[in-house]
PDB file of all heavy atoms in Angstrom:
ATOM      1  N   TYR A   1      24.264  34.672 174.356  1.00  0.00           N
ATOM      2  CA  TYR A   1      24.848  35.808 173.973  1.00  0.00           C
ATOM      3  C   TYR A   1      23.923  36.464 172.802  1.00  0.00           C
ATOM      4  O   TYR A   1      24.147  36.105 171.645  1.00  0.00           O
ATOM      5  CB  TYR A   1      26.258  35.909 173.555  1.00  0.00           C
ATOM      6  CG  TYR A   1      26.749  37.230 173.172  1.00  0.00           C
ATOM      7  CD1 TYR A   1      27.071  38.262 174.130  1.00  0.00           C
ATOM      8  CD2 TYR A   1      27.012  37.548 171.848  1.00  0.00           C
ATOM      9  CE1 TYR A   1      27.450  39.483 173.829  1.00  0.00           C
ATOM     10  CE2 TYR A   1      27.434  38.774 171.475  1.00  0.00           C
ATOM     11  CZ  TYR A   1      27.737  39.713 172.513  1.00  0.00           C
ATOM     12  OH  TYR A   1      28.119  40.940 172.028  1.00  0.00           O
ATOM     13  N   LYS A   2      22.880  37.144 173.135  1.00  0.00           N
ATOM     14  CA  LYS A   2      22.039  37.925 172.223  1.00  0.00           C
ATOM     15  C   LYS A   2      21.714  37.221 170.826  1.00  0.00           C
ATOM     16  O   LYS A   2      22.230  37.594 169.843  1.00  0.00           O
ATOM     17  CB  LYS A   2      22.726  39.333 171.898  1.00  0.00           C
ATOM     18  CG  LYS A   2      22.746  40.140 173.121  1.00  0.00           C
ATOM     19  CD  LYS A   2      21.416  40.663 173.613  1.00  0.00           C
ATOM     20  CE  LYS A   2      21.469  41.542 174.753  1.00  0.00           C
ATOM     21  NZ  LYS A   2      20.129  41.865 175.266  1.00  0.00           N
ATOM     22  N   HIS A   3      20.975  36.073 170.990  1.00  0.00           N
ATOM     23  CA  HIS A   3      20.533  35.387 169.788  1.00  0.00           C
ATOM     24  C   HIS A   3      21.611  34.625 169.103  1.00  0.00           C
ATOM     25  O   HIS A   3      21.289  34.054 168.018  1.00  0.00           O
ATOM     26  CB  HIS A   3      19.794  36.329 168.805  1.00  0.00           C
ATOM     27  CG  HIS A   3      18.849  37.300 169.448  1.00  0.00           C
ATOM     28  ND1 HIS A   3      17.712  36.858 170.117  1.00  0.00           N
ATOM     29  CD2 HIS A   3      18.809  38.688 169.450  1.00  0.00           C
ATOM     30  CE1 HIS A   3      17.104  37.991 170.628  1.00  0.00           C
ATOM     31  NE2 HIS A   3      17.731  39.038 170.216  1.00  0.00           N
ATOM     32  N   SER A   4      22.792  34.539 169.582  1.00  0.00           N
ATOM     33  CA  SER A   4      23.788  33.826 168.917  1.00  0.00           C
ATOM     34  C   SER A   4      23.630  32.309 169.094  1.00  0.00           C
ATOM     35  O   SER A   4      23.218  31.921 170.189  1.00  0.00           O
ATOM     36  CB  SER A   4      25.192  34.087 169.466  1.00  0.00           C
ATOM     37  OG  SER A   4      25.502  35.531 169.116  1.00  0.00           O
ATOM     38  N   VAL A   5      23.775  31.536 168.025  1.00  0.00           N
ATOM     39  CA  VAL A   5      23.534  30.041 168.132  1.00  0.00           C
ATOM     40  C   VAL A   5      24.786  29.510 167.444  1.00  0.00           C
ATOM     41  O   VAL A   5      25.428  30.113 166.457  1.00  0.00           O
ATOM     42  CB  VAL A   5      22.357  29.632 167.514  1.00  0.00           C
ATOM     43  CG1 VAL A   5      21.072  30.081 168.364  1.00  0.00           C
ATOM     44  CG2 VAL A   5      22.093  29.962 165.949  1.00  0.00           C
ATOM     45  N   CYS A   6      25.104  28.348 167.749  1.00  0.00           N
ATOM     46  CA  CYS A   6      26.182  27.589 167.096  1.00  0.00           C
ATOM     47  C   CYS A   6      25.825  26.157 167.128  1.00  0.00           C
ATOM     48  O   CYS A   6      25.602  25.481 168.106  1.00  0.00           O
ATOM     49  CB  CYS A   6      27.508  27.790 167.942  1.00  0.00           C
ATOM     50  SG  CYS A   6      28.965  27.480 167.020  1.00  0.00           S
ATOM     51  N   LYS A   7      25.606  25.644 165.844  1.00  0.00           N
ATOM     52  CA  LYS A   7      25.122  24.212 165.815  1.00  0.00           C
ATOM     53  C   LYS A   7      26.381  23.224 165.932  1.00  0.00           C
ATOM     54  O   LYS A   7      27.490  23.621 165.643  1.00  0.00           O
ATOM     55  CB  LYS A   7      24.571  23.919 164.380  1.00  0.00           C
ATOM     56  CG  LYS A   7      23.271  24.628 164.141  1.00  0.00           C
ATOM     57  CD  LYS A   7      22.736  24.317 162.729  1.00  0.00           C
ATOM     58  CE  LYS A   7      22.286  22.874 162.699  1.00  0.00           C
ATOM     59  NZ  LYS A   7      21.608  22.505 161.370  1.00  0.00           N
ATOM     60  N   VAL A   8      26.058  22.058 166.593  1.00  0.00           N
ATOM     61  CA  VAL A   8      27.007  21.173 166.777  1.00  0.00           C
ATOM     62  C   VAL A   8      27.967  20.716 165.793  1.00  0.00           C
ATOM     63  O   VAL A   8      29.070  20.326 165.758  1.00  0.00           O
ATOM     64  CB  VAL A   8      26.450  19.983 167.682  1.00  0.00           C
ATOM     65  CG1 VAL A   8      25.608  19.042 166.810  1.00  0.00           C
ATOM     66  CG2 VAL A   8      27.543  19.184 168.331  1.00  0.00           C
ATOM     67  N   ASP A   9      27.232  20.711 164.533  1.00  0.00           N
ATOM     68  CA  ASP A   9      28.024  20.205 163.330  1.00  0.00           C
ATOM     69  C   ASP A   9      28.382  21.334 162.368  1.00  0.00           C
ATOM     70  O   ASP A   9      28.753  21.126 161.197  1.00  0.00           O
ATOM     71  CB  ASP A   9      27.175  19.152 162.625  1.00  0.00           C
ATOM     72  CG  ASP A   9      25.704  19.721 162.170  1.00  0.00           C
ATOM     73  OD1 ASP A   9      25.426  20.964 162.597  1.00  0.00           O
ATOM     74  OD2 ASP A   9      24.913  19.123 161.566  1.00  0.00           O
ATOM     75  N   ASP A  10      28.454  22.562 162.901  1.00  0.00           N
ATOM     76  CA  ASP A  10      28.869  23.667 162.125  1.00  0.00           C
ATOM     77  C   ASP A  10      30.334  23.807 162.094  1.00  0.00           C
ATOM     78  O   ASP A  10      31.023  24.044 163.129  1.00  0.00           O
ATOM     79  CB  ASP A  10      28.313  24.981 162.759  1.00  0.00           C
ATOM     80  CG  ASP A  10      28.514  26.207 161.889  1.00  0.00           C
ATOM     81  OD1 ASP A  10      29.347  26.148 161.019  1.00  0.00           O
ATOM     82  OD2 ASP A  10      27.854  27.282 162.173  1.00  0.00           O
ATOM     83  N   PRO A  11      31.000  23.672 160.833  1.00  0.00           N
ATOM     84  CA  PRO A  11      32.501  23.684 160.906  1.00  0.00           C
ATOM     85  C   PRO A  11      33.107  25.103 161.275  1.00  0.00           C
ATOM     86  O   PRO A  11      34.226  25.204 161.620  1.00  0.00           O
ATOM     87  CB  PRO A  11      32.851  23.390 159.471  1.00  0.00           C
ATOM     88  CG  PRO A  11      31.599  23.738 158.624  1.00  0.00           C
ATOM     89  CD  PRO A  11      30.409  23.503 159.526  1.00  0.00           C
ATOM     90  N   ASN A  12      32.291  26.119 161.208  1.00  0.00           N
ATOM     91  CA  ASN A  12      32.716  27.578 161.519  1.00  0.00           C
ATOM     92  C   ASN A  12      32.534  27.848 163.066  1.00  0.00           C
ATOM     93  O   ASN A  12      32.760  28.815 163.549  1.00  0.00           O
ATOM     94  CB  ASN A  12      32.004  28.468 160.751  1.00  0.00           C
ATOM     95  CG  ASN A  12      32.190  28.395 159.293  1.00  0.00           C
ATOM     96  OD1 ASN A  12      33.354  28.213 158.851  1.00  0.00           O
ATOM     97  ND2 ASN A  12      31.108  28.343 158.505  1.00  0.00           N
ATOM     98  N   CYS A  13      32.142  26.840 163.785  1.00  0.00           N
ATOM     99  CA  CYS A  13      31.710  27.010 165.267  1.00  0.00           C
ATOM    100  C   CYS A  13      32.986  26.632 166.144  1.00  0.00           C
ATOM    101  O   CYS A  13      33.419  25.530 166.204  1.00  0.00           O
ATOM    102  CB  CYS A  13      30.508  26.057 165.577  1.00  0.00           C
ATOM    103  SG  CYS A  13      30.050  25.972 167.267  1.00  0.00           S
ATOM    104  N   ASP A  14      33.493  27.757 166.750  1.00  0.00           N
ATOM    105  CA  ASP A  14      34.608  27.443 167.623  1.00  0.00           C
ATOM    106  C   ASP A  14      34.258  27.383 169.108  1.00  0.00           C
ATOM    107  O   ASP A  14      35.005  26.818 169.930  1.00  0.00           O
ATOM    108  CB  ASP A  14      35.687  28.554 167.376  1.00  0.00           C
ATOM    109  CG  ASP A  14      35.053  29.974 167.550  1.00  0.00           C
ATOM    110  OD1 ASP A  14      33.936  30.099 167.853  1.00  0.00           O
ATOM    111  OD2 ASP A  14      35.977  30.925 167.510  1.00  0.00           O
ATOM    112  N   THR A  15      33.022  28.014 169.476  1.00  0.00           N
ATOM    113  CA  THR A  15      32.546  27.901 170.803  1.00  0.00           C
ATOM    114  C   THR A  15      31.067  27.403 170.660  1.00  0.00           C
ATOM    115  O   THR A  15      30.247  28.227 170.225  1.00  0.00           O
ATOM    116  CB  THR A  15      32.628  29.210 171.484  1.00  0.00           C
ATOM    117  OG1 THR A  15      34.030  29.599 171.533  1.00  0.00           O
ATOM    118  CG2 THR A  15      32.209  29.135 172.920  1.00  0.00           C
ATOM    119  N   LEU A  16      30.760  26.182 171.229  1.00  0.00           N
ATOM    120  CA  LEU A  16      29.397  25.726 171.034  1.00  0.00           C
ATOM    121  C   LEU A  16      28.577  26.372 172.091  1.00  0.00           C
ATOM    122  O   LEU A  16      28.645  25.904 173.369  1.00  0.00           O
ATOM    123  CB  LEU A  16      29.509  24.144 171.164  1.00  0.00           C
ATOM    124  CG  LEU A  16      28.187  23.394 170.992  1.00  0.00           C
ATOM    125  CD1 LEU A  16      27.510  23.724 169.714  1.00  0.00           C
ATOM    126  CD2 LEU A  16      28.259  21.975 171.194  1.00  0.00           C
ATOM    127  N   LEU A  17      27.676  27.135 171.839  1.00  0.00           N
ATOM    128  CA  LEU A  17      26.680  27.723 172.680  1.00  0.00           C
ATOM    129  C   LEU A  17      25.401  26.932 172.686  1.00  0.00           C
ATOM    130  O   LEU A  17      25.362  25.845 172.040  1.00  0.00           O
ATOM    131  CB  LEU A  17      26.426  29.167 172.284  1.00  0.00           C
ATOM    132  CG  LEU A  17      27.668  30.136 172.260  1.00  0.00           C
ATOM    133  CD1 LEU A  17      27.268  31.488 171.548  1.00  0.00           C
ATOM    134  CD2 LEU A  17      28.117  30.370 173.652  1.00  0.00           C
ATOM    135  N   LEU A  18      24.482  27.369 173.438  1.00  0.00           N
ATOM    136  CA  LEU A  18      23.145  26.651 173.446  1.00  0.00           C
ATOM    137  C   LEU A  18      22.239  26.989 172.190  1.00  0.00           C
ATOM    138  O   LEU A  18      22.411  28.133 171.694  1.00  0.00           O
ATOM    139  CB  LEU A  18      22.407  26.915 174.753  1.00  0.00           C
ATOM    140  CG  LEU A  18      23.194  26.705 176.095  1.00  0.00           C
ATOM    141  CD1 LEU A  18      22.272  27.174 177.275  1.00  0.00           C
ATOM    142  CD2 LEU A  18      23.392  25.251 176.244  1.00  0.00           C
ATOM    143  N   TYR A  19      21.422  26.036 171.848  1.00  0.00           N
ATOM    144  CA  TYR A  19      20.545  26.331 170.740  1.00  0.00           C
ATOM    145  C   TYR A  19      19.135  25.834 171.099  1.00  0.00           C
ATOM    146  O   TYR A  19      18.884  24.586 171.133  1.00  0.00           O
ATOM    147  CB  TYR A  19      20.978  25.550 169.550  1.00  0.00           C
ATOM    148  CG  TYR A  19      20.449  25.867 168.234  1.00  0.00           C
ATOM    149  CD1 TYR A  19      19.413  26.785 168.060  1.00  0.00           C
ATOM    150  CD2 TYR A  19      20.798  25.218 167.047  1.00  0.00           C
ATOM    151  CE1 TYR A  19      18.783  27.185 166.866  1.00  0.00           C
ATOM    152  CE2 TYR A  19      20.223  25.442 165.778  1.00  0.00           C
ATOM    153  CZ  TYR A  19      19.293  26.412 165.786  1.00  0.00           C
ATOM    154  OH  TYR A  19      18.659  26.737 164.548  1.00  0.00           O
ATOM    155  N   GLU A  20      18.265  26.782 171.467  1.00  0.00           N
ATOM    156  CA  GLU A  20      16.917  26.575 171.927  1.00  0.00           C
ATOM    157  C   GLU A  20      16.929  25.500 173.000  1.00  0.00           C
ATOM    158  O   GLU A  20      16.267  24.430 172.957  1.00  0.00           O
ATOM    159  CB  GLU A  20      16.071  26.184 170.742  1.00  0.00           C
ATOM    160  CG  GLU A  20      15.796  27.345 169.841  1.00  0.00           C
ATOM    161  CD  GLU A  20      14.475  27.051 168.948  1.00  0.00           C
ATOM    162  OE1 GLU A  20      13.778  26.125 169.051  1.00  0.00           O
ATOM    163  OE2 GLU A  20      14.330  27.958 168.121  1.00  0.00           O
ATOM    164  N   PRO A  21      17.589  25.774 174.183  1.00  0.00           N
ATOM    165  CA  PRO A  21      17.426  24.830 175.394  1.00  0.00           C
ATOM    166  C   PRO A  21      16.017  24.825 175.807  1.00  0.00           C
ATOM    167  O   PRO A  21      15.323  25.742 175.913  1.00  0.00           O
ATOM    168  CB  PRO A  21      18.431  25.522 176.411  1.00  0.00           C
ATOM    169  CG  PRO A  21      18.256  27.008 176.022  1.00  0.00           C
ATOM    170  CD  PRO A  21      18.316  27.011 174.537  1.00  0.00           C
ATOM    171  N   ASN A  22      15.562  23.548 176.168  1.00  0.00           N
ATOM    172  CA  ASN A  22      14.160  23.347 176.666  1.00  0.00           C
ATOM    173  C   ASN A  22      14.049  23.073 178.169  1.00  0.00           C
ATOM    174  O   ASN A  22      12.954  23.045 178.631  1.00  0.00           O
ATOM    175  CB  ASN A  22      13.541  22.273 175.877  1.00  0.00           C
ATOM    176  CG  ASN A  22      12.858  22.723 174.542  1.00  0.00           C
ATOM    177  OD1 ASN A  22      11.756  22.310 174.212  1.00  0.00           O
ATOM    178  ND2 ASN A  22      13.521  23.496 173.784  1.00  0.00           N
ATOM    179  N   ASP A  23      15.164  22.851 178.755  1.00  0.00           N
ATOM    180  CA  ASP A  23      15.044  22.536 180.202  1.00  0.00           C
ATOM    181  C   ASP A  23      16.434  22.802 180.829  1.00  0.00           C
ATOM    182  O   ASP A  23      17.488  22.784 180.283  1.00  0.00           O
ATOM    183  CB  ASP A  23      14.690  21.035 180.531  1.00  0.00           C
ATOM    184  CG  ASP A  23      13.970  20.832 181.735  1.00  0.00           C
ATOM    185  OD1 ASP A  23      13.686  21.804 182.494  1.00  0.00           O
ATOM    186  OD2 ASP A  23      13.680  19.695 182.199  1.00  0.00           O
ATOM    187  N   VAL A  24      16.332  22.975 182.252  1.00  0.00           N
ATOM    188  CA  VAL A  24      17.613  23.213 182.983  1.00  0.00           C
ATOM    189  C   VAL A  24      17.226  22.665 184.436  1.00  0.00           C
ATOM    190  O   VAL A  24      16.005  22.888 184.937  1.00  0.00           O
ATOM    191  CB  VAL A  24      17.869  24.635 183.147  1.00  0.00           C
ATOM    192  CG1 VAL A  24      16.864  25.529 183.607  1.00  0.00           C
ATOM    193  CG2 VAL A  24      19.233  24.943 183.944  1.00  0.00           C
ATOM    194  N   LYS A  25      18.110  21.839 185.033  1.00  0.00           N
ATOM    195  CA  LYS A  25      18.014  21.338 186.322  1.00  0.00           C
ATOM    196  C   LYS A  25      19.327  21.528 187.084  1.00  0.00           C
ATOM    197  O   LYS A  25      20.291  21.308 186.480  1.00  0.00           O
ATOM    198  CB  LYS A  25      17.647  19.809 186.231  1.00  0.00           C
ATOM    199  CG  LYS A  25      16.225  19.577 185.710  1.00  0.00           C
ATOM    200  CD  LYS A  25      15.232  19.970 186.655  1.00  0.00           C
ATOM    201  CE  LYS A  25      13.795  19.626 186.162  1.00  0.00           C
ATOM    202  NZ  LYS A  25      13.291  20.572 185.152  1.00  0.00           N
ATOM    203  N   LEU A  26      19.148  21.808 188.384  1.00  0.00           N
ATOM    204  CA  LEU A  26      20.345  22.026 189.261  1.00  0.00           C
ATOM    205  C   LEU A  26      20.596  20.798 190.102  1.00  0.00           C
ATOM    206  O   LEU A  26      19.645  20.241 190.682  1.00  0.00           O
ATOM    207  CB  LEU A  26      20.058  23.254 190.161  1.00  0.00           C
ATOM    208  CG  LEU A  26      21.155  23.601 191.153  1.00  0.00           C
ATOM    209  CD1 LEU A  26      22.293  24.103 190.520  1.00  0.00           C
ATOM    210  CD2 LEU A  26      20.654  24.546 192.184  1.00  0.00           C
ATOM    211  N   PHE A  27      21.928  20.408 190.219  1.00  0.00           N
ATOM    212  CA  PHE A  27      22.406  19.416 191.175  1.00  0.00           C
ATOM    213  C   PHE A  27      23.703  19.815 191.722  1.00  0.00           C
ATOM    214  O   PHE A  27      24.581  20.155 190.843  1.00  0.00           O
ATOM    215  CB  PHE A  27      22.473  18.141 190.612  1.00  0.00           C
ATOM    216  CG  PHE A  27      23.168  16.970 191.412  1.00  0.00           C
ATOM    217  CD1 PHE A  27      22.479  16.629 192.595  1.00  0.00           C
ATOM    218  CD2 PHE A  27      24.395  16.399 191.158  1.00  0.00           C
ATOM    219  CE1 PHE A  27      23.045  15.773 193.529  1.00  0.00           C
ATOM    220  CE2 PHE A  27      24.952  15.606 192.118  1.00  0.00           C
ATOM    221  CZ  PHE A  27      24.277  15.183 193.228  1.00  0.00           C
ATOM    222  N   GLU A  28      23.712  20.035 193.012  1.00  0.00           N
ATOM    223  CA  GLU A  28      24.836  20.588 193.719  1.00  0.00           C
ATOM    224  C   GLU A  28      25.184  21.879 192.999  1.00  0.00           C
ATOM    225  O   GLU A  28      24.387  22.826 193.011  1.00  0.00           O
ATOM    226  CB  GLU A  28      26.104  19.591 193.690  1.00  0.00           C
ATOM    227  CG  GLU A  28      25.773  18.365 194.499  1.00  0.00           C
ATOM    228  CD  GLU A  28      26.819  17.323 194.586  1.00  0.00           C
ATOM    229  OE1 GLU A  28      27.832  17.439 193.671  1.00  0.00           O
ATOM    230  OE2 GLU A  28      26.937  16.601 195.600  1.00  0.00           O
ATOM    231  N   ASN A  29      26.342  22.093 192.378  1.00  0.00           N
ATOM    232  CA  ASN A  29      26.608  23.423 191.839  1.00  0.00           C
ATOM    233  C   ASN A  29      26.815  23.284 190.231  1.00  0.00           C
ATOM    234  O   ASN A  29      27.493  24.007 189.553  1.00  0.00           O
ATOM    235  CB  ASN A  29      27.840  24.020 192.431  1.00  0.00           C
ATOM    236  CG  ASN A  29      27.637  25.533 192.526  1.00  0.00           C
ATOM    237  OD1 ASN A  29      26.519  25.999 192.795  1.00  0.00           O
ATOM    238  ND2 ASN A  29      28.716  26.306 192.398  1.00  0.00           N
ATOM    239  N   THR A  30      26.094  22.345 189.646  1.00  0.00           N
ATOM    240  CA  THR A  30      26.044  22.153 188.241  1.00  0.00           C
ATOM    241  C   THR A  30      24.653  22.214 187.670  1.00  0.00           C
ATOM    242  O   THR A  30      23.704  21.585 188.218  1.00  0.00           O
ATOM    243  CB  THR A  30      26.674  20.727 187.880  1.00  0.00           C
ATOM    244  OG1 THR A  30      28.002  20.637 188.363  1.00  0.00           O
ATOM    245  CG2 THR A  30      26.818  20.490 186.476  1.00  0.00           C
ATOM    246  N   LEU A  31      24.566  22.849 186.572  1.00  0.00           N
ATOM    247  CA  LEU A  31      23.347  22.926 185.813  1.00  0.00           C
ATOM    248  C   LEU A  31      23.316  21.856 184.721  1.00  0.00           C
ATOM    249  O   LEU A  31      24.296  21.789 183.936  1.00  0.00           O
ATOM    250  CB  LEU A  31      23.108  24.326 185.149  1.00  0.00           C
ATOM    251  CG  LEU A  31      23.022  25.469 186.147  1.00  0.00           C
ATOM    252  CD1 LEU A  31      22.873  26.788 185.314  1.00  0.00           C
ATOM    253  CD2 LEU A  31      21.750  25.267 187.066  1.00  0.00           C
ATOM    254  N   TYR A  32      22.298  20.996 184.667  1.00  0.00           N
ATOM    255  CA  TYR A  32      22.146  20.099 183.546  1.00  0.00           C
ATOM    256  C   TYR A  32      21.045  20.701 182.560  1.00  0.00           C
ATOM    257  O   TYR A  32      20.003  21.117 183.000  1.00  0.00           O
ATOM    258  CB  TYR A  32      21.629  18.692 184.104  1.00  0.00           C
ATOM    259  CG  TYR A  32      22.607  17.980 184.939  1.00  0.00           C
ATOM    260  CD1 TYR A  32      23.020  18.330 186.089  1.00  0.00           C
ATOM    261  CD2 TYR A  32      23.071  16.699 184.419  1.00  0.00           C
ATOM    262  CE1 TYR A  32      23.972  17.724 186.834  1.00  0.00           C
ATOM    263  CE2 TYR A  32      24.108  16.138 185.246  1.00  0.00           C
ATOM    264  CZ  TYR A  32      24.518  16.576 186.350  1.00  0.00           C
ATOM    265  OH  TYR A  32      25.455  15.785 186.996  1.00  0.00           O
ATOM    266  N   ILE A  33      21.350  20.747 181.393  1.00  0.00           N
ATOM    267  CA  ILE A  33      20.699  21.516 180.413  1.00  0.00           C
ATOM    268  C   ILE A  33      20.362  20.616 179.146  1.00  0.00           C
ATOM    269  O   ILE A  33      21.276  20.060 178.501  1.00  0.00           O
ATOM    270  CB  ILE A  33      21.457  22.765 179.873  1.00  0.00           C
ATOM    271  CG1 ILE A  33      21.908  23.654 180.945  1.00  0.00           C
ATOM    272  CG2 ILE A  33      20.709  23.584 178.937  1.00  0.00           C
ATOM    273  CD1 ILE A  33      23.093  24.489 180.737  1.00  0.00           C
ATOM    274  N   ALA A  34      19.073  20.677 178.802  1.00  0.00           N
ATOM    275  CA  ALA A  34      18.639  19.989 177.584  1.00  0.00           C
ATOM    276  C   ALA A  34      18.972  21.020 176.425  1.00  0.00           C
ATOM    277  O   ALA A  34      18.034  21.910 176.280  1.00  0.00           O
ATOM    278  CB  ALA A  34      17.230  19.580 177.586  1.00  0.00           C
ATOM    279  N   ASP A  35      20.042  20.821 175.649  1.00  0.00           N
ATOM    280  CA  ASP A  35      20.382  21.706 174.590  1.00  0.00           C
ATOM    281  C   ASP A  35      19.726  21.137 173.337  1.00  0.00           C
ATOM    282  O   ASP A  35      20.277  20.474 172.479  1.00  0.00           O
ATOM    283  CB  ASP A  35      21.955  21.730 174.437  1.00  0.00           C
ATOM    284  CG  ASP A  35      22.481  22.787 173.418  1.00  0.00           C
ATOM    285  OD1 ASP A  35      21.541  23.643 172.972  1.00  0.00           O
ATOM    286  OD2 ASP A  35      23.590  22.837 173.272  1.00  0.00           O
ATOM    287  N   THR A  36      18.483  21.442 173.237  1.00  0.00           N
ATOM    288  CA  THR A  36      17.510  20.703 172.387  1.00  0.00           C
ATOM    289  C   THR A  36      17.921  20.665 170.868  1.00  0.00           C
ATOM    290  O   THR A  36      18.028  19.632 170.248  1.00  0.00           O
ATOM    291  CB  THR A  36      16.095  21.283 172.530  1.00  0.00           C
ATOM    292  OG1 THR A  36      15.715  21.121 173.887  1.00  0.00           O
ATOM    293  CG2 THR A  36      15.139  20.560 171.630  1.00  0.00           C
ATOM    294  N   ASN A  37      18.212  21.827 170.287  1.00  0.00           N
ATOM    295  CA  ASN A  37      18.469  21.808 168.805  1.00  0.00           C
ATOM    296  C   ASN A  37      19.867  21.380 168.542  1.00  0.00           C
ATOM    297  O   ASN A  37      20.217  21.191 167.271  1.00  0.00           O
ATOM    298  CB  ASN A  37      18.160  23.184 168.193  1.00  0.00           C
ATOM    299  CG  ASN A  37      16.766  23.484 167.979  1.00  0.00           C
ATOM    300  OD1 ASN A  37      15.845  22.682 168.404  1.00  0.00           O
ATOM    301  ND2 ASN A  37      16.351  24.602 167.357  1.00  0.00           N
ATOM    302  N   ASN A  38      20.651  21.193 169.446  1.00  0.00           N
ATOM    303  CA  ASN A  38      22.026  20.527 169.394  1.00  0.00           C
ATOM    304  C   ASN A  38      21.996  19.113 169.666  1.00  0.00           C
ATOM    305  O   ASN A  38      23.097  18.402 169.610  1.00  0.00           O
ATOM    306  CB  ASN A  38      23.042  21.338 170.188  1.00  0.00           C
ATOM    307  CG  ASN A  38      23.662  22.515 169.431  1.00  0.00           C
ATOM    308  OD1 ASN A  38      23.890  22.443 168.311  1.00  0.00           O
ATOM    309  ND2 ASN A  38      24.010  23.524 170.208  1.00  0.00           N
TER     310      ASN A  38
END
């Protein structure tokens, strides 16, 4: 969502989004994502 990031250790983070993901892979109907900065 438009440059929004949420760090995994941020106490103000109620919904953990992605933070500079570096990879994505599909298996069946699931995406596996390298959430790099988290």
